[in-house]
Amino acid sequence: MGDAYREFTARTIRVDGRDIPIESEGYLIDLDDWSEDFARVLAAEEGLALTDEHWQVIRFIREFHAEHRVQPQVRVMIRHFTEKWGAEKGSNHYLHEIFPRGGPQKQGNRLAGIRRTKGEH
């Protein structure tokens, strides 16, 4: 981990007896530190109890990122989850409702262990 990453390390969170470095907004510094337990700990810290729907979104984000090397855009998530869950639950509104701290692109990416979207502040 180079100095460029170290300067963004704001704190750590404790996961399975290890201190995992995250930046101030909760994004992982080292993507290899991700685990389902990391997602559970960060979600609890953010006041979110993960349901099956959350896990489906988290896994979708991780699989999309692994395949395409970029985060899925919200419109891609809406299309995918509308097909899977129907129009009401696959909507932008619902995805933001279940990820209330920044929607699926911010909170979803954090919980999925993916870095912030380019251009995000």
C-alpha atoms as a PDB file:
ATOM      1  CA  MET A   1       0.000   0.000   0.000  1.00  0.00           C
ATOM      2  CA  GLY A   2       1.646   3.223  -1.165  1.00  0.00           C
ATOM      3  CA  ASP A   3       1.758   6.596   0.535  1.00  0.00           C
ATOM      4  CA  ALA A   4      -0.924   7.891  -1.823  1.00  0.00           C
ATOM      5  CA  TYR A   5      -3.420   5.486  -0.246  1.00  0.00           C
ATOM      6  CA  ARG A   6      -2.184   6.007   3.299  1.00  0.00           C
ATOM      7  CA  GLU A   7      -3.080   9.690   3.231  1.00  0.00           C
ATOM      8  CA  PHE A   8      -6.746   8.760   2.633  1.00  0.00           C
ATOM      9  CA  THR A   9      -6.864   6.344   5.569  1.00  0.00           C
ATOM     10  CA  ALA A  10      -9.064   8.039   8.078  1.00  0.00           C
ATOM     11  CA  ARG A  11      -9.713   5.120  10.395  1.00  0.00           C
ATOM     12  CA  THR A  12     -10.140   1.397  10.731  1.00  0.00           C
ATOM     13  CA  ILE A  13     -13.058  -0.854  11.546  1.00  0.00           C
ATOM     14  CA  ARG A  14     -12.732  -4.132  13.425  1.00  0.00           C
ATOM     15  CA  VAL A  15     -13.773  -7.196  11.412  1.00  0.00           C
ATOM     16  CA  ASP A  16     -13.126 -10.727  12.678  1.00  0.00           C
ATOM     17  CA  GLY A  17     -10.388  -9.528  15.024  1.00  0.00           C
ATOM     18  CA  ARG A  18      -8.602  -7.493  12.321  1.00  0.00           C
ATOM     19  CA  ASP A  19      -8.429  -3.744  11.896  1.00  0.00           C
ATOM     20  CA  ILE A  20      -9.461  -2.975   8.315  1.00  0.00           C
ATOM     21  CA  PRO A  21      -8.361   0.440   6.985  1.00  0.00           C
ATOM     22  CA  ILE A  22     -11.115   2.516   5.407  1.00  0.00           C
ATOM     23  CA  GLU A  23     -11.211   6.096   4.226  1.00  0.00           C
ATOM     24  CA  SER A  24     -13.294   8.738   5.983  1.00  0.00           C
ATOM     25  CA  GLU A  25     -16.533   7.839   4.162  1.00  0.00           C
ATOM     26  CA  GLY A  26     -16.163   4.089   4.715  1.00  0.00           C
ATOM     27  CA  TYR A  27     -14.709   2.978   1.384  1.00  0.00           C
ATOM     28  CA  LEU A  28     -12.076   0.243   1.603  1.00  0.00           C
ATOM     29  CA  ILE A  29      -8.470   1.234   1.019  1.00  0.00           C
ATOM     30  CA  ASP A  30      -7.475  -2.286  -0.071  1.00  0.00           C
ATOM     31  CA  LEU A  31     -10.254  -4.010  -2.025  1.00  0.00           C
ATOM     32  CA  ASP A  32      -8.816  -7.403  -1.017  1.00  0.00           C
ATOM     33  CA  ASP A  33      -9.903  -6.683   2.587  1.00  0.00           C
ATOM     34  CA  TRP A  34     -13.560  -7.164   1.602  1.00  0.00           C
ATOM     35  CA  SER A  35     -15.579  -9.983   3.132  1.00  0.00           C
ATOM     36  CA  GLU A  36     -19.243 -10.528   3.906  1.00  0.00           C
ATOM     37  CA  ASP A  37     -18.369  -9.849   7.549  1.00  0.00           C
ATOM     38  CA  PHE A  38     -16.860  -6.497   6.483  1.00  0.00           C
ATOM     39  CA  ALA A  39     -20.185  -5.643   4.809  1.00  0.00           C
ATOM     40  CA  ARG A  40     -22.121  -6.659   7.939  1.00  0.00           C
ATOM     41  CA  VAL A  41     -19.895  -4.601  10.271  1.00  0.00           C
ATOM     42  CA  LEU A  42     -19.971  -1.501   8.045  1.00  0.00           C
ATOM     43  CA  ALA A  43     -23.741  -1.834   7.517  1.00  0.00           C
ATOM     44  CA  ALA A  44     -24.305  -2.056  11.284  1.00  0.00           C
ATOM     45  CA  GLU A  45     -22.114   1.021  11.762  1.00  0.00           C
ATOM     46  CA  GLU A  46     -24.278   2.811   9.174  1.00  0.00           C
ATOM     47  CA  GLY A  47     -27.491   1.691  10.925  1.00  0.00           C
ATOM     48  CA  LEU A  48     -28.497  -0.768   8.202  1.00  0.00           C
ATOM     49  CA  ALA A  49     -29.675  -4.336   8.820  1.00  0.00           C
ATOM     50  CA  LEU A  50     -28.796  -6.300   5.690  1.00  0.00           C
ATOM     51  CA  THR A  51     -31.674  -8.211   4.109  1.00  0.00           C
ATOM     52  CA  ASP A  52     -31.653 -10.667   1.217  1.00  0.00           C
ATOM     53  CA  GLU A  53     -32.371  -7.743  -1.133  1.00  0.00           C
ATOM     54  CA  HIS A  54     -29.304  -5.859   0.131  1.00  0.00           C
ATOM     55  CA  TRP A  55     -27.161  -8.949  -0.435  1.00  0.00           C
ATOM     56  CA  GLN A  56     -28.522  -9.340  -3.970  1.00  0.00           C
ATOM     57  CA  VAL A  57     -27.499  -5.749  -4.762  1.00  0.00           C
ATOM     58  CA  ILE A  58     -24.104  -6.140  -3.052  1.00  0.00           C
ATOM     59  CA  ARG A  59     -23.375  -9.352  -4.981  1.00  0.00           C
ATOM     60  CA  PHE A  60     -24.534  -7.763  -8.249  1.00  0.00           C
ATOM     61  CA  ILE A  61     -22.181  -4.800  -7.710  1.00  0.00           C
ATOM     62  CA  ARG A  62     -19.266  -7.130  -6.910  1.00  0.00           C
ATOM     63  CA  GLU A  63     -19.935  -9.431  -9.886  1.00  0.00           C
ATOM     64  CA  PHE A  64     -20.373  -6.500 -12.287  1.00  0.00           C
ATOM     65  CA  HIS A  65     -17.159  -4.906 -11.024  1.00  0.00           C
ATOM     66  CA  ALA A  66     -15.244  -8.197 -11.323  1.00  0.00           C
ATOM     67  CA  GLU A  67     -16.425  -8.630 -14.911  1.00  0.00           C
ATOM     68  CA  HIS A  68     -16.218  -5.026 -16.179  1.00  0.00           C
ATOM     69  CA  ARG A  69     -13.637  -3.474 -13.781  1.00  0.00           C
ATOM     70  CA  VAL A  70     -16.006  -0.539 -13.163  1.00  0.00           C
ATOM     71  CA  GLN A  71     -18.977   0.004 -10.878  1.00  0.00           C
ATOM     72  CA  PRO A  72     -22.417  -0.484 -12.396  1.00  0.00           C
ATOM     73  CA  GLN A  73     -24.278   2.720 -13.136  1.00  0.00           C
ATOM     74  CA  VAL A  74     -27.609   3.163 -11.356  1.00  0.00           C
ATOM     75  CA  ARG A  75     -29.508   2.723 -14.656  1.00  0.00           C
ATOM     76  CA  VAL A  76     -27.819  -0.684 -15.097  1.00  0.00           C
ATOM     77  CA  MET A  77     -28.895  -1.663 -11.571  1.00  0.00           C
ATOM     78  CA  ILE A  78     -32.440  -0.421 -12.201  1.00  0.00           C
ATOM     79  CA  ARG A  79     -32.687  -2.479 -15.411  1.00  0.00           C
ATOM     80  CA  HIS A  80     -31.304  -5.600 -13.697  1.00  0.00           C
ATOM     81  CA  PHE A  81     -33.452  -5.370 -10.566  1.00  0.00           C
ATOM     82  CA  THR A  82     -36.613  -4.369 -12.462  1.00  0.00           C
ATOM     83  CA  GLU A  83     -36.269  -7.638 -14.398  1.00  0.00           C
ATOM     84  CA  LYS A  84     -35.587  -9.533 -11.172  1.00  0.00           C
ATOM     85  CA  TRP A  85     -37.968  -7.860  -8.682  1.00  0.00           C
ATOM     86  CA  GLY A  86     -40.521  -6.040 -10.861  1.00  0.00           C
ATOM     87  CA  ALA A  87     -40.939  -2.358 -11.694  1.00  0.00           C
ATOM     88  CA  GLU A  88     -41.781  -1.095  -8.207  1.00  0.00           C
ATOM     89  CA  LYS A  89     -38.909  -2.739  -6.310  1.00  0.00           C
ATOM     90  CA  GLY A  90     -36.423  -2.389  -9.164  1.00  0.00           C
ATOM     91  CA  SER A  91     -36.969   1.364  -9.279  1.00  0.00           C
ATOM     92  CA  ASN A  92     -34.448   4.051  -8.467  1.00  0.00           C
ATOM     93  CA  HIS A  93     -36.703   5.146  -5.595  1.00  0.00           C
ATOM     94  CA  TYR A  94     -36.738   1.686  -3.982  1.00  0.00           C
ATOM     95  CA  LEU A  95     -32.993   1.135  -4.410  1.00  0.00           C
ATOM     96  CA  HIS A  96     -32.377   4.471  -2.669  1.00  0.00           C
ATOM     97  CA  GLU A  97     -34.909   3.525   0.017  1.00  0.00           C
ATOM     98  CA  ILE A  98     -33.046   0.317   0.926  1.00  0.00           C
ATOM     99  CA  PHE A  99     -29.663   2.108   0.725  1.00  0.00           C
ATOM    100  CA  PRO A 100     -30.603   5.370   2.472  1.00  0.00           C
ATOM    101  CA  ARG A 101     -27.025   6.675   2.854  1.00  0.00           C
ATOM    102  CA  GLY A 102     -26.255   7.594  -0.745  1.00  0.00           C
ATOM    103  CA  GLY A 103     -28.227   4.992  -2.653  1.00  0.00           C
ATOM    104  CA  PRO A 104     -26.879   1.871  -4.305  1.00  0.00           C
ATOM    105  CA  GLN A 105     -23.952   3.684  -5.932  1.00  0.00           C
ATOM    106  CA  LYS A 106     -22.539   5.144  -2.738  1.00  0.00           C
ATOM    107  CA  GLN A 107     -23.729   2.968   0.141  1.00  0.00           C
ATOM    108  CA  GLY A 108     -23.999  -0.098  -2.088  1.00  0.00           C
ATOM    109  CA  ASN A 109     -20.442   0.365  -3.373  1.00  0.00           C
ATOM    110  CA  ARG A 110     -19.107   0.883   0.160  1.00  0.00           C
ATOM    111  CA  LEU A 111     -20.771  -2.283   1.419  1.00  0.00           C
ATOM    112  CA  ALA A 112     -19.657  -4.222  -1.667  1.00  0.00           C
ATOM    113  CA  GLY A 113     -16.067  -3.155  -1.034  1.00  0.00           C
ATOM    114  CA  ILE A 114     -15.860  -1.172  -4.270  1.00  0.00           C
ATOM    115  CA  ARG A 115     -14.279   2.275  -4.450  1.00  0.00           C
ATOM    116  CA  ARG A 116     -16.314   5.410  -4.941  1.00  0.00           C
ATOM    117  CA  THR A 117     -17.615   6.157  -8.412  1.00  0.00           C
ATOM    118  CA  LYS A 118     -15.390   8.442 -10.495  1.00  0.00           C
ATOM    119  CA  GLY A 119     -16.412  12.059 -10.067  1.00  0.00           C
ATOM    120  CA  GLU A 120     -18.102  11.366  -6.716  1.00  0.00           C
ATOM    121  CA  HIS A 121     -17.241  13.817  -3.949  1.00  0.00           C
END
